[in-house]
Amino acid sequence: MGESILKNKSFLFALHIVAAYKDLCCRQEYVMSKQLLRCGTSIGANIAEAERGQSVSDFTAKMYISLKEANETDYWLRLLKASAYLTEEEADALLSECDELVRMLVATTKKTSNRAF
């Protein structure tokens, strides 16, 4: 089986989050940027864990955790944008990627939730 599109997109998103974190640290913003780093990179980590889930229920649970982390990432991105730590352009690019991941995760969890029960 080939590489998952969701897995690849979440990995690339994590790389963009790491770059944003480094940039935010240069701007001397450490608290919100650390929160963004944690949840933004956790999306892909949980997708990778789900890939080796012990059951459909385990897979679905990990995907729901990824979805929750993506929702939290969206929150921190919007807050960093509103507080002008991220420019509108920077934030909107990351928010667009995050929204795409959310939509993919919602579709995945809906599909697998029906099989888990």
PDB file of N, CA and C in Angstrom:
ATOM      1  N   MET A   1       0.842  -1.175   0.000  1.00  0.00           N
ATOM      2  CA  MET A   1       0.000   0.000   0.000  1.00  0.00           C
ATOM      3  C   MET A   1       0.890   1.242   0.000  1.00  0.00           C
ATOM      4  N   GLY A   2       0.529   2.227  -0.794  1.00  0.00           N
ATOM      5  CA  GLY A   2       1.319   3.455  -0.906  1.00  0.00           C
ATOM      6  C   GLY A   2       1.156   4.361   0.296  1.00  0.00           C
ATOM      7  N   GLU A   3       1.928   5.432   0.313  1.00  0.00           N
ATOM      8  CA  GLU A   3       1.864   6.405   1.392  1.00  0.00           C
ATOM      9  C   GLU A   3       0.500   7.083   1.419  1.00  0.00           C
ATOM     10  N   SER A   4      -0.012   7.301   2.558  1.00  0.00           N
ATOM     11  CA  SER A   4      -1.288   7.964   2.750  1.00  0.00           C
ATOM     12  C   SER A   4      -1.174   9.455   2.430  1.00  0.00           C
ATOM     13  N   ILE A   5      -2.141   9.974   1.677  1.00  0.00           N
ATOM     14  CA  ILE A   5      -2.172  11.408   1.376  1.00  0.00           C
ATOM     15  C   ILE A   5      -2.285  12.198   2.678  1.00  0.00           C
ATOM     16  N   LEU A   6      -3.130  11.732   3.580  1.00  0.00           N
ATOM     17  CA  LEU A   6      -3.310  12.402   4.866  1.00  0.00           C
ATOM     18  C   LEU A   6      -2.013  12.403   5.670  1.00  0.00           C
ATOM     19  N   LYS A   7      -1.327  11.280   5.676  1.00  0.00           N
ATOM     20  CA  LYS A   7      -0.056  11.182   6.393  1.00  0.00           C
ATOM     21  C   LYS A   7       0.970  12.143   5.804  1.00  0.00           C
ATOM     22  N   ASN A   8       1.055  12.198   4.487  1.00  0.00           N
ATOM     23  CA  ASN A   8       2.007  13.102   3.826  1.00  0.00           C
ATOM     24  C   ASN A   8       1.663  14.565   4.082  1.00  0.00           C
ATOM     25  N   LYS A   9       0.394  14.918   3.950  1.00  0.00           N
ATOM     26  CA  LYS A   9      -0.022  16.309   4.167  1.00  0.00           C
ATOM     27  C   LYS A   9       0.217  16.740   5.611  1.00  0.00           C
ATOM     28  N   SER A  10      -0.034  15.849   6.546  1.00  0.00           N
ATOM     29  CA  SER A  10       0.172  16.196   7.958  1.00  0.00           C
ATOM     30  C   SER A  10       1.661  16.362   8.266  1.00  0.00           C
ATOM     31  N   PHE A  11       2.510  15.581   7.609  1.00  0.00           N
ATOM     32  CA  PHE A  11       3.951  15.716   7.797  1.00  0.00           C
ATOM     33  C   PHE A  11       4.452  17.051   7.240  1.00  0.00           C
ATOM     34  N   LEU A  12       4.002  17.406   6.042  1.00  0.00           N
ATOM     35  CA  LEU A  12       4.394  18.691   5.454  1.00  0.00           C
ATOM     36  C   LEU A  12       3.872  19.858   6.296  1.00  0.00           C
ATOM     37  N   PHE A  13       2.652  19.705   6.809  1.00  0.00           N
ATOM     38  CA  PHE A  13       2.096  20.742   7.681  1.00  0.00           C
ATOM     39  C   PHE A  13       2.947  20.887   8.933  1.00  0.00           C
ATOM     40  N   ALA A  14       3.378  19.769   9.504  1.00  0.00           N
ATOM     41  CA  ALA A  14       4.237  19.814  10.695  1.00  0.00           C
ATOM     42  C   ALA A  14       5.539  20.561  10.392  1.00  0.00           C
ATOM     43  N   LEU A  15       6.093  20.348   9.221  1.00  0.00           N
ATOM     44  CA  LEU A  15       7.303  21.081   8.838  1.00  0.00           C
ATOM     45  C   LEU A  15       7.030  22.584   8.752  1.00  0.00           C
ATOM     46  N   HIS A  16       5.878  22.964   8.239  1.00  0.00           N
ATOM     47  CA  HIS A  16       5.511  24.385   8.161  1.00  0.00           C
ATOM     48  C   HIS A  16       5.283  24.971   9.555  1.00  0.00           C
ATOM     49  N   ILE A  17       4.741  24.163  10.447  1.00  0.00           N
ATOM     50  CA  ILE A  17       4.531  24.602  11.832  1.00  0.00           C
ATOM     51  C   ILE A  17       5.882  24.799  12.527  1.00  0.00           C
ATOM     52  N   VAL A  18       6.817  23.897  12.302  1.00  0.00           N
ATOM     53  CA  VAL A  18       8.155  24.035  12.886  1.00  0.00           C
ATOM     54  C   VAL A  18       8.813  25.325  12.390  1.00  0.00           C
ATOM     55  N   ALA A  19       8.677  25.596  11.117  1.00  0.00           N
ATOM     56  CA  ALA A  19       9.244  26.833  10.555  1.00  0.00           C
ATOM     57  C   ALA A  19       8.581  28.063  11.183  1.00  0.00           C
ATOM     58  N   ALA A  20       7.274  28.019  11.349  1.00  0.00           N
ATOM     59  CA  ALA A  20       6.555  29.143  11.981  1.00  0.00           C
ATOM     60  C   ALA A  20       7.013  29.311  13.430  1.00  0.00           C
ATOM     61  N   TYR A  21       7.196  28.188  14.127  1.00  0.00           N
ATOM     62  CA  TYR A  21       7.669  28.236  15.511  1.00  0.00           C
ATOM     63  C   TYR A  21       9.036  28.923  15.601  1.00  0.00           C
ATOM     64  N   LYS A  22       9.951  28.535  14.720  1.00  0.00           N
ATOM     65  CA  LYS A  22      11.280  29.150  14.720  1.00  0.00           C
ATOM     66  C   LYS A  22      11.184  30.653  14.475  1.00  0.00           C
ATOM     67  N   ASP A  23      10.334  31.029  13.533  1.00  0.00           N
ATOM     68  CA  ASP A  23      10.151  32.441  13.213  1.00  0.00           C
ATOM     69  C   ASP A  23       9.532  33.197  14.397  1.00  0.00           C
ATOM     70  N   LEU A  24       8.561  32.584  15.042  1.00  0.00           N
ATOM     71  CA  LEU A  24       7.915  33.225  16.198  1.00  0.00           C
ATOM     72  C   LEU A  24       8.904  33.399  17.351  1.00  0.00           C
ATOM     73  N   CYS A  25       9.781  32.438  17.528  1.00  0.00           N
ATOM     74  CA  CYS A  25      10.800  32.565  18.581  1.00  0.00           C
ATOM     75  C   CYS A  25      11.749  33.721  18.274  1.00  0.00           C
ATOM     76  N   CYS A  26      12.052  33.938  16.995  1.00  0.00           N
ATOM     77  CA  CYS A  26      12.879  35.082  16.611  1.00  0.00           C
ATOM     78  C   CYS A  26      12.166  36.396  16.908  1.00  0.00           C
ATOM     79  N   ARG A  27      10.831  36.336  16.882  1.00  0.00           N
ATOM     80  CA  ARG A  27      10.019  37.518  17.206  1.00  0.00           C
ATOM     81  C   ARG A  27       9.750  37.610  18.716  1.00  0.00           C
ATOM     82  N   GLN A  28      10.405  36.751  19.462  1.00  0.00           N
ATOM     83  CA  GLN A  28      10.330  36.698  20.923  1.00  0.00           C
ATOM     84  C   GLN A  28       8.924  36.361  21.434  1.00  0.00           C
ATOM     85  N   GLU A  29       8.246  35.477  20.737  1.00  0.00           N
ATOM     86  CA  GLU A  29       6.969  34.954  21.215  1.00  0.00           C
ATOM     87  C   GLU A  29       7.210  33.482  21.517  1.00  0.00           C
ATOM     88  N   TYR A  30       7.114  33.125  22.800  1.00  0.00           N
ATOM     89  CA  TYR A  30       7.492  31.775  23.211  1.00  0.00           C
ATOM     90  C   TYR A  30       6.342  30.918  23.722  1.00  0.00           C
ATOM     91  N   VAL A  31       5.332  31.512  24.295  1.00  0.00           N
ATOM     92  CA  VAL A  31       4.268  30.734  24.933  1.00  0.00           C
ATOM     93  C   VAL A  31       3.282  30.182  23.901  1.00  0.00           C
ATOM     94  N   MET A  32       2.675  31.068  23.127  1.00  0.00           N
ATOM     95  CA  MET A  32       1.708  30.611  22.123  1.00  0.00           C
ATOM     96  C   MET A  32       2.387  29.776  21.046  1.00  0.00           C
ATOM     97  N   SER A  33       3.606  30.138  20.701  1.00  0.00           N
ATOM     98  CA  SER A  33       4.317  29.393  19.664  1.00  0.00           C
ATOM     99  C   SER A  33       4.600  27.961  20.104  1.00  0.00           C
ATOM    100  N   LYS A  34       4.881  27.772  21.385  1.00  0.00           N
ATOM    101  CA  LYS A  34       5.124  26.418  21.900  1.00  0.00           C
ATOM    102  C   LYS A  34       3.834  25.589  21.847  1.00  0.00           C
ATOM    103  N   GLN A  35       2.713  26.227  22.162  1.00  0.00           N
ATOM    104  CA  GLN A  35       1.421  25.541  22.074  1.00  0.00           C
ATOM    105  C   GLN A  35       1.154  25.135  20.627  1.00  0.00           C
ATOM    106  N   LEU A  36       1.432  26.052  19.703  1.00  0.00           N
ATOM    107  CA  LEU A  36       1.245  25.778  18.281  1.00  0.00           C
ATOM    108  C   LEU A  36       2.137  24.626  17.835  1.00  0.00           C
ATOM    109  N   LEU A  37       3.377  24.635  18.268  1.00  0.00           N
ATOM    110  CA  LEU A  37       4.312  23.570  17.916  1.00  0.00           C
ATOM    111  C   LEU A  37       3.807  22.215  18.394  1.00  0.00           C
ATOM    112  N   ARG A  38       3.350  22.167  19.625  1.00  0.00           N
ATOM    113  CA  ARG A  38       2.904  20.892  20.201  1.00  0.00           C
ATOM    114  C   ARG A  38       1.705  20.314  19.458  1.00  0.00           C
ATOM    115  N   CYS A  39       0.657  21.131  19.287  1.00  0.00           N
ATOM    116  CA  CYS A  39      -0.545  20.577  18.663  1.00  0.00           C
ATOM    117  C   CYS A  39      -0.381  20.425  17.153  1.00  0.00           C
ATOM    118  N   GLY A  40       0.351  21.337  16.518  1.00  0.00           N
ATOM    119  CA  GLY A  40       0.516  21.272  15.067  1.00  0.00           C
ATOM    120  C   GLY A  40       1.332  20.078  14.603  1.00  0.00           C
ATOM    121  N   THR A  41       2.276  19.646  15.412  1.00  0.00           N
ATOM    122  CA  THR A  41       3.075  18.474  15.051  1.00  0.00           C
ATOM    123  C   THR A  41       2.434  17.181  15.540  1.00  0.00           C
ATOM    124  N   SER A  42       1.551  17.299  16.515  1.00  0.00           N
ATOM    125  CA  SER A  42       0.865  16.130  17.066  1.00  0.00           C
ATOM    126  C   SER A  42      -0.139  15.527  16.086  1.00  0.00           C
ATOM    127  N   ILE A  43      -0.639  16.336  15.174  1.00  0.00           N
ATOM    128  CA  ILE A  43      -1.613  15.841  14.195  1.00  0.00           C
ATOM    129  C   ILE A  43      -1.026  14.651  13.448  1.00  0.00           C
ATOM    130  N   GLY A  44       0.116  14.861  12.835  1.00  0.00           N
ATOM    131  CA  GLY A  44       0.757  13.806  12.061  1.00  0.00           C
ATOM    132  C   GLY A  44       1.247  12.646  12.904  1.00  0.00           C
ATOM    133  N   ALA A  45       1.702  12.948  14.117  1.00  0.00           N
ATOM    134  CA  ALA A  45       2.173  11.874  15.005  1.00  0.00           C
ATOM    135  C   ALA A  45       1.041  10.904  15.333  1.00  0.00           C
ATOM    136  N   ASN A  46      -0.138  11.444  15.586  1.00  0.00           N
ATOM    137  CA  ASN A  46      -1.277  10.574  15.884  1.00  0.00           C
ATOM    138  C   ASN A  46      -1.774   9.836  14.656  1.00  0.00           C
ATOM    139  N   ILE A  47      -1.666  10.441  13.494  1.00  0.00           N
ATOM    140  CA  ILE A  47      -2.014   9.739  12.254  1.00  0.00           C
ATOM    141  C   ILE A  47      -1.058   8.574  12.046  1.00  0.00           C
ATOM    142  N   ALA A  48       0.224   8.796  12.312  1.00  0.00           N
ATOM    143  CA  ALA A  48       1.209   7.717  12.190  1.00  0.00           C
ATOM    144  C   ALA A  48       0.908   6.594  13.183  1.00  0.00           C
ATOM    145  N   GLU A  49       0.506   6.939  14.397  1.00  0.00           N
ATOM    146  CA  GLU A  49       0.127   5.918  15.377  1.00  0.00           C
ATOM    147  C   GLU A  49      -1.097   5.152  14.922  1.00  0.00           C
ATOM    148  N   ALA A  50      -2.065   5.854  14.361  1.00  0.00           N
ATOM    149  CA  ALA A  50      -3.295   5.218  13.904  1.00  0.00           C
ATOM    150  C   ALA A  50      -3.021   4.180  12.828  1.00  0.00           C
ATOM    151  N   GLU A  51      -2.030   4.453  12.031  1.00  0.00           N
ATOM    152  CA  GLU A  51      -1.673   3.562  10.938  1.00  0.00           C
ATOM    153  C   GLU A  51      -1.387   2.140  11.437  1.00  0.00           C
ATOM    154  N   ARG A  52      -0.884   2.039  12.626  1.00  0.00           N
ATOM    155  CA  ARG A  52      -0.579   0.731  13.217  1.00  0.00           C
ATOM    156  C   ARG A  52      -1.541   0.386  14.360  1.00  0.00           C
ATOM    157  N   GLY A  53      -2.747   0.907  14.270  1.00  0.00           N
ATOM    158  CA  GLY A  53      -3.748   0.655  15.303  1.00  0.00           C
ATOM    159  C   GLY A  53      -4.042  -0.825  15.462  1.00  0.00           C
ATOM    160  N   GLN A  54      -4.424  -1.195  16.668  1.00  0.00           N
ATOM    161  CA  GLN A  54      -4.696  -2.594  16.972  1.00  0.00           C
ATOM    162  C   GLN A  54      -6.059  -3.050  16.459  1.00  0.00           C
ATOM    163  N   SER A  55      -6.923  -2.091  16.217  1.00  0.00           N
ATOM    164  CA  SER A  55      -8.273  -2.398  15.751  1.00  0.00           C
ATOM    165  C   SER A  55      -8.833  -1.175  15.036  1.00  0.00           C
ATOM    166  N   VAL A  56      -9.990  -1.338  14.445  1.00  0.00           N
ATOM    167  CA  VAL A  56     -10.654  -0.204  13.804  1.00  0.00           C
ATOM    168  C   VAL A  56     -10.981   0.853  14.857  1.00  0.00           C
ATOM    169  N   SER A  57     -11.393   0.409  16.043  1.00  0.00           N
ATOM    170  CA  SER A  57     -11.699   1.349  17.126  1.00  0.00           C
ATOM    171  C   SER A  57     -10.464   2.134  17.554  1.00  0.00           C
ATOM    172  N   ASP A  58      -9.335   1.471  17.636  1.00  0.00           N
ATOM    173  CA  ASP A  58      -8.075   2.123  17.997  1.00  0.00           C
ATOM    174  C   ASP A  58      -7.678   3.136  16.917  1.00  0.00           C
ATOM    175  N   PHE A  59      -7.787   2.726  15.670  1.00  0.00           N
ATOM    176  CA  PHE A  59      -7.498   3.620  14.541  1.00  0.00           C
ATOM    177  C   PHE A  59      -8.385   4.861  14.619  1.00  0.00           C
ATOM    178  N   THR A  60      -9.671   4.643  14.818  1.00  0.00           N
ATOM    179  CA  THR A  60     -10.626   5.749  14.872  1.00  0.00           C
ATOM    180  C   THR A  60     -10.316   6.679  16.038  1.00  0.00           C
ATOM    181  N   ALA A  61      -9.982   6.130  17.184  1.00  0.00           N
ATOM    182  CA  ALA A  61      -9.660   6.954  18.356  1.00  0.00           C
ATOM    183  C   ALA A  61      -8.456   7.848  18.083  1.00  0.00           C
ATOM    184  N   LYS A  62      -7.427   7.298  17.462  1.00  0.00           N
ATOM    185  CA  LYS A  62      -6.227   8.099  17.139  1.00  0.00           C
ATOM    186  C   LYS A  62      -6.557   9.184  16.113  1.00  0.00           C
ATOM    187  N   MET A  63      -7.416   8.866  15.173  1.00  0.00           N
ATOM    188  CA  MET A  63      -7.820   9.862  14.185  1.00  0.00           C
ATOM    189  C   MET A  63      -8.630  10.991  14.845  1.00  0.00           C
ATOM    190  N   TYR A  64      -9.455  10.641  15.817  1.00  0.00           N
ATOM    191  CA  TYR A  64     -10.187  11.676  16.554  1.00  0.00           C
ATOM    192  C   TYR A  64      -9.231  12.566  17.344  1.00  0.00           C
ATOM    193  N   ILE A  65      -8.186  11.977  17.908  1.00  0.00           N
ATOM    194  CA  ILE A  65      -7.184  12.774  18.615  1.00  0.00           C
ATOM    195  C   ILE A  65      -6.505  13.727  17.630  1.00  0.00           C
ATOM    196  N   SER A  66      -6.182  13.240  16.444  1.00  0.00           N
ATOM    197  CA  SER A  66      -5.592  14.102  15.409  1.00  0.00           C
ATOM    198  C   SER A  66      -6.525  15.249  15.063  1.00  0.00           C
ATOM    199  N   LEU A  67      -7.811  14.951  14.954  1.00  0.00           N
ATOM    200  CA  LEU A  67      -8.800  15.981  14.651  1.00  0.00           C
ATOM    201  C   LEU A  67      -8.854  17.031  15.760  1.00  0.00           C
ATOM    202  N   LYS A  68      -8.832  16.577  17.000  1.00  0.00           N
ATOM    203  CA  LYS A  68      -8.822  17.514  18.128  1.00  0.00           C
ATOM    204  C   LYS A  68      -7.573  18.392  18.103  1.00  0.00           C
ATOM    205  N   GLU A  69      -6.436  17.805  17.786  1.00  0.00           N
ATOM    206  CA  GLU A  69      -5.187  18.568  17.711  1.00  0.00           C
ATOM    207  C   GLU A  69      -5.245  19.582  16.560  1.00  0.00           C
ATOM    208  N   ALA A  70      -5.864  19.201  15.463  1.00  0.00           N
ATOM    209  CA  ALA A  70      -6.011  20.125  14.332  1.00  0.00           C
ATOM    210  C   ALA A  70      -6.916  21.298  14.712  1.00  0.00           C
ATOM    211  N   ASN A  71      -7.981  21.009  15.448  1.00  0.00           N
ATOM    212  CA  ASN A  71      -8.862  22.086  15.911  1.00  0.00           C
ATOM    213  C   ASN A  71      -8.127  23.031  16.853  1.00  0.00           C
ATOM    214  N   GLU A  72      -7.298  22.476  17.723  1.00  0.00           N
ATOM    215  CA  GLU A  72      -6.518  23.316  18.628  1.00  0.00           C
ATOM    216  C   GLU A  72      -5.495  24.146  17.845  1.00  0.00           C
ATOM    217  N   THR A  73      -4.893  23.548  16.845  1.00  0.00           N
ATOM    218  CA  THR A  73      -3.933  24.265  16.002  1.00  0.00           C
ATOM    219  C   THR A  73      -4.614  25.461  15.339  1.00  0.00           C
ATOM    220  N   ASP A  74      -5.818  25.252  14.836  1.00  0.00           N
ATOM    221  CA  ASP A  74      -6.589  26.328  14.219  1.00  0.00           C
ATOM    222  C   ASP A  74      -6.783  27.477  15.212  1.00  0.00           C
ATOM    223  N   TYR A  75      -7.100  27.142  16.449  1.00  0.00           N
ATOM    224  CA  TYR A  75      -7.291  28.164  17.481  1.00  0.00           C
ATOM    225  C   TYR A  75      -6.030  29.006  17.673  1.00  0.00           C
ATOM    226  N   TRP A  76      -4.886  28.340  17.850  1.00  0.00           N
ATOM    227  CA  TRP A  76      -3.633  29.068  18.096  1.00  0.00           C
ATOM    228  C   TRP A  76      -3.225  29.897  16.885  1.00  0.00           C
ATOM    229  N   LEU A  77      -3.460  29.393  15.696  1.00  0.00           N
ATOM    230  CA  LEU A  77      -3.147  30.166  14.492  1.00  0.00           C
ATOM    231  C   LEU A  77      -4.002  31.431  14.417  1.00  0.00           C
ATOM    232  N   ARG A  78      -5.289  31.290  14.706  1.00  0.00           N
ATOM    233  CA  ARG A  78      -6.167  32.467  14.685  1.00  0.00           C
ATOM    234  C   ARG A  78      -5.763  33.473  15.756  1.00  0.00           C
ATOM    235  N   LEU A  79      -5.367  32.985  16.928  1.00  0.00           N
ATOM    236  CA  LEU A  79      -4.945  33.879  18.004  1.00  0.00           C
ATOM    237  C   LEU A  79      -3.633  34.588  17.644  1.00  0.00           C
ATOM    238  N   LEU A  80      -2.698  33.859  17.084  1.00  0.00           N
ATOM    239  CA  LEU A  80      -1.427  34.466  16.662  1.00  0.00           C
ATOM    240  C   LEU A  80      -1.641  35.494  15.554  1.00  0.00           C
ATOM    241  N   LYS A  81      -2.611  35.248  14.702  1.00  0.00           N
ATOM    242  CA  LYS A  81      -2.955  36.207  13.652  1.00  0.00           C
ATOM    243  C   LYS A  81      -3.602  37.454  14.266  1.00  0.00           C
ATOM    244  N   ALA A  82      -4.576  37.257  15.144  1.00  0.00           N
ATOM    245  CA  ALA A  82      -5.301  38.376  15.759  1.00  0.00           C
ATOM    246  C   ALA A  82      -4.387  39.238  16.619  1.00  0.00           C
ATOM    247  N   SER A  83      -3.366  38.625  17.210  1.00  0.00           N
ATOM    248  CA  SER A  83      -2.438  39.367  18.056  1.00  0.00           C
ATOM    249  C   SER A  83      -1.243  39.917  17.270  1.00  0.00           C
ATOM    250  N   ALA A  84      -1.279  39.719  15.962  1.00  0.00           N
ATOM    251  CA  ALA A  84      -0.272  40.251  15.019  1.00  0.00           C
ATOM    252  C   ALA A  84       1.117  39.630  15.186  1.00  0.00           C
ATOM    253  N   TYR A  85       1.191  38.459  15.798  1.00  0.00           N
ATOM    254  CA  TYR A  85       2.466  37.744  15.815  1.00  0.00           C
ATOM    255  C   TYR A  85       2.717  37.069  14.464  1.00  0.00           C
ATOM    256  N   LEU A  86       1.642  36.673  13.808  1.00  0.00           N
ATOM    257  CA  LEU A  86       1.734  36.166  12.446  1.00  0.00           C
ATOM    258  C   LEU A  86       1.058  37.178  11.535  1.00  0.00           C
ATOM    259  N   THR A  87       1.645  37.400  10.383  1.00  0.00           N
ATOM    260  CA  THR A  87       0.997  38.283   9.421  1.00  0.00           C
ATOM    261  C   THR A  87      -0.248  37.577   8.886  1.00  0.00           C
ATOM    262  N   GLU A  88      -1.114  38.341   8.285  1.00  0.00           N
ATOM    263  CA  GLU A  88      -2.325  37.760   7.709  1.00  0.00           C
ATOM    264  C   GLU A  88      -1.965  36.703   6.669  1.00  0.00           C
ATOM    265  N   GLU A  89      -0.969  37.001   5.854  1.00  0.00           N
ATOM    266  CA  GLU A  89      -0.535  36.066   4.813  1.00  0.00           C
ATOM    267  C   GLU A  89       0.016  34.771   5.413  1.00  0.00           C
ATOM    268  N   GLU A  90       0.880  34.900   6.423  1.00  0.00           N
ATOM    269  CA  GLU A  90       1.450  33.717   7.079  1.00  0.00           C
ATOM    270  C   GLU A  90       0.359  32.866   7.710  1.00  0.00           C
ATOM    271  N   ALA A  91      -0.508  33.520   8.461  1.00  0.00           N
ATOM    272  CA  ALA A  91      -1.566  32.797   9.165  1.00  0.00           C
ATOM    273  C   ALA A  91      -2.541  32.146   8.190  1.00  0.00           C
ATOM    274  N   ASP A  92      -2.940  32.880   7.163  1.00  0.00           N
ATOM    275  CA  ASP A  92      -3.921  32.348   6.221  1.00  0.00           C
ATOM    276  C   ASP A  92      -3.397  31.120   5.477  1.00  0.00           C
ATOM    277  N   ALA A  93      -2.126  31.119   5.150  1.00  0.00           N
ATOM    278  CA  ALA A  93      -1.537  29.953   4.476  1.00  0.00           C
ATOM    279  C   ALA A  93      -1.591  28.730   5.389  1.00  0.00           C
ATOM    280  N   LEU A  94      -1.219  28.913   6.656  1.00  0.00           N
ATOM    281  CA  LEU A  94      -1.251  27.805   7.615  1.00  0.00           C
ATOM    282  C   LEU A  94      -2.688  27.395   7.940  1.00  0.00           C
ATOM    283  N   LEU A  95      -3.578  28.370   8.066  1.00  0.00           N
ATOM    284  CA  LEU A  95      -4.989  28.068   8.344  1.00  0.00           C
ATOM    285  C   LEU A  95      -5.618  27.279   7.200  1.00  0.00           C
ATOM    286  N   SER A  96      -5.228  27.584   5.988  1.00  0.00           N
ATOM    287  CA  SER A  96      -5.750  26.854   4.831  1.00  0.00           C
ATOM    288  C   SER A  96      -5.301  25.393   4.866  1.00  0.00           C
ATOM    289  N   GLU A  97      -4.035  25.182   5.166  1.00  0.00           N
ATOM    290  CA  GLU A  97      -3.519  23.812   5.290  1.00  0.00           C
ATOM    291  C   GLU A  97      -4.209  23.073   6.427  1.00  0.00           C
ATOM    292  N   CYS A  98      -4.388  23.761   7.534  1.00  0.00           N
ATOM    293  CA  CYS A  98      -5.030  23.164   8.703  1.00  0.00           C
ATOM    294  C   CYS A  98      -6.473  22.789   8.385  1.00  0.00           C
ATOM    295  N   ASP A  99      -7.180  23.673   7.694  1.00  0.00           N
ATOM    296  CA  ASP A  99      -8.572  23.406   7.319  1.00  0.00           C
ATOM    297  C   ASP A  99      -8.665  22.180   6.423  1.00  0.00           C
ATOM    298  N   GLU A 100      -7.720  22.040   5.503  1.00  0.00           N
ATOM    299  CA  GLU A 100      -7.719  20.867   4.634  1.00  0.00           C
ATOM    300  C   GLU A 100      -7.529  19.588   5.445  1.00  0.00           C
ATOM    301  N   LEU A 101      -6.631  19.630   6.425  1.00  0.00           N
ATOM    302  CA  LEU A 101      -6.425  18.465   7.294  1.00  0.00           C
ATOM    303  C   LEU A 101      -7.676  18.164   8.100  1.00  0.00           C
ATOM    304  N   VAL A 102      -8.318  19.202   8.621  1.00  0.00           N
ATOM    305  CA  VAL A 102      -9.554  19.007   9.397  1.00  0.00           C
ATOM    306  C   VAL A 102     -10.602  18.310   8.535  1.00  0.00           C
ATOM    307  N   ARG A 103     -10.799  18.805   7.313  1.00  0.00           N
ATOM    308  CA  ARG A 103     -11.797  18.205   6.427  1.00  0.00           C
ATOM    309  C   ARG A 103     -11.476  16.740   6.128  1.00  0.00           C
ATOM    310  N   MET A 104     -10.212  16.443   5.909  1.00  0.00           N
ATOM    311  CA  MET A 104      -9.813  15.065   5.638  1.00  0.00           C
ATOM    312  C   MET A 104     -10.013  14.177   6.868  1.00  0.00           C
ATOM    313  N   LEU A 105      -9.687  14.719   8.026  1.00  0.00           N
ATOM    314  CA  LEU A 105      -9.857  13.950   9.268  1.00  0.00           C
ATOM    315  C   LEU A 105     -11.329  13.734   9.602  1.00  0.00           C
ATOM    316  N   VAL A 106     -12.156  14.732   9.356  1.00  0.00           N
ATOM    317  CA  VAL A 106     -13.602  14.566   9.582  1.00  0.00           C
ATOM    318  C   VAL A 106     -14.132  13.446   8.690  1.00  0.00           C
ATOM    319  N   ALA A 107     -13.744  13.470   7.425  1.00  0.00           N
ATOM    320  CA  ALA A 107     -14.189  12.418   6.497  1.00  0.00           C
ATOM    321  C   ALA A 107     -13.703  11.047   6.949  1.00  0.00           C
ATOM    322  N   THR A 108     -12.465  10.970   7.386  1.00  0.00           N
ATOM    323  CA  THR A 108     -11.902   9.695   7.832  1.00  0.00           C
ATOM    324  C   THR A 108     -12.596   9.185   9.081  1.00  0.00           C
ATOM    325  N   THR A 109     -12.814  10.063  10.048  1.00  0.00           N
ATOM    326  CA  THR A 109     -13.452   9.613  11.294  1.00  0.00           C
ATOM    327  C   THR A 109     -14.905   9.221  11.065  1.00  0.00           C
ATOM    328  N   LYS A 110     -15.597   9.935  10.193  1.00  0.00           N
ATOM    329  CA  LYS A 110     -16.993   9.557   9.885  1.00  0.00           C
ATOM    330  C   LYS A 110     -17.044   8.176   9.242  1.00  0.00           C
ATOM    331  N   LYS A 111     -16.146   7.963   8.318  1.00  0.00           N
ATOM    332  CA  LYS A 111     -16.103   6.694   7.587  1.00  0.00           C
ATOM    333  C   LYS A 111     -15.777   5.533   8.523  1.00  0.00           C
ATOM    334  N   THR A 112     -14.782   5.715   9.379  1.00  0.00           N
ATOM    335  CA  THR A 112     -14.349   4.606  10.242  1.00  0.00           C
ATOM    336  C   THR A 112     -15.242   4.445  11.469  1.00  0.00           C
ATOM    337  N   SER A 113     -15.883   5.520  11.913  1.00  0.00           N
ATOM    338  CA  SER A 113     -16.779   5.419  13.073  1.00  0.00           C
ATOM    339  C   SER A 113     -17.932   4.461  12.787  1.00  0.00           C
ATOM    340  N   ASN A 114     -18.408   4.478  11.564  1.00  0.00           N
ATOM    341  CA  ASN A 114     -19.506   3.605  11.185  1.00  0.00           C
ATOM    342  C   ASN A 114     -19.092   2.133  11.206  1.00  0.00           C
ATOM    343  N   ARG A 115     -17.796   1.872  10.976  1.00  0.00           N
ATOM    344  CA  ARG A 115     -17.297   0.490  10.992  1.00  0.00           C
ATOM    345  C   ARG A 115     -16.934   0.022  12.398  1.00  0.00           C
ATOM    346  N   ALA A 116     -16.633   0.985  13.278  1.00  0.00           N
ATOM    347  CA  ALA A 116     -16.137   0.618  14.610  1.00  0.00           C
ATOM    348  C   ALA A 116     -17.240   0.101  15.532  1.00  0.00           C
ATOM    349  N   PHE A 117     -18.464   0.442  15.235  1.00  0.00           N
ATOM    350  CA  PHE A 117     -19.533   0.068  16.166  1.00  0.00           C
ATOM    351  C   PHE A 117     -20.549  -0.828  15.539  1.00  0.00           C
TER     352      PHE A 117
END
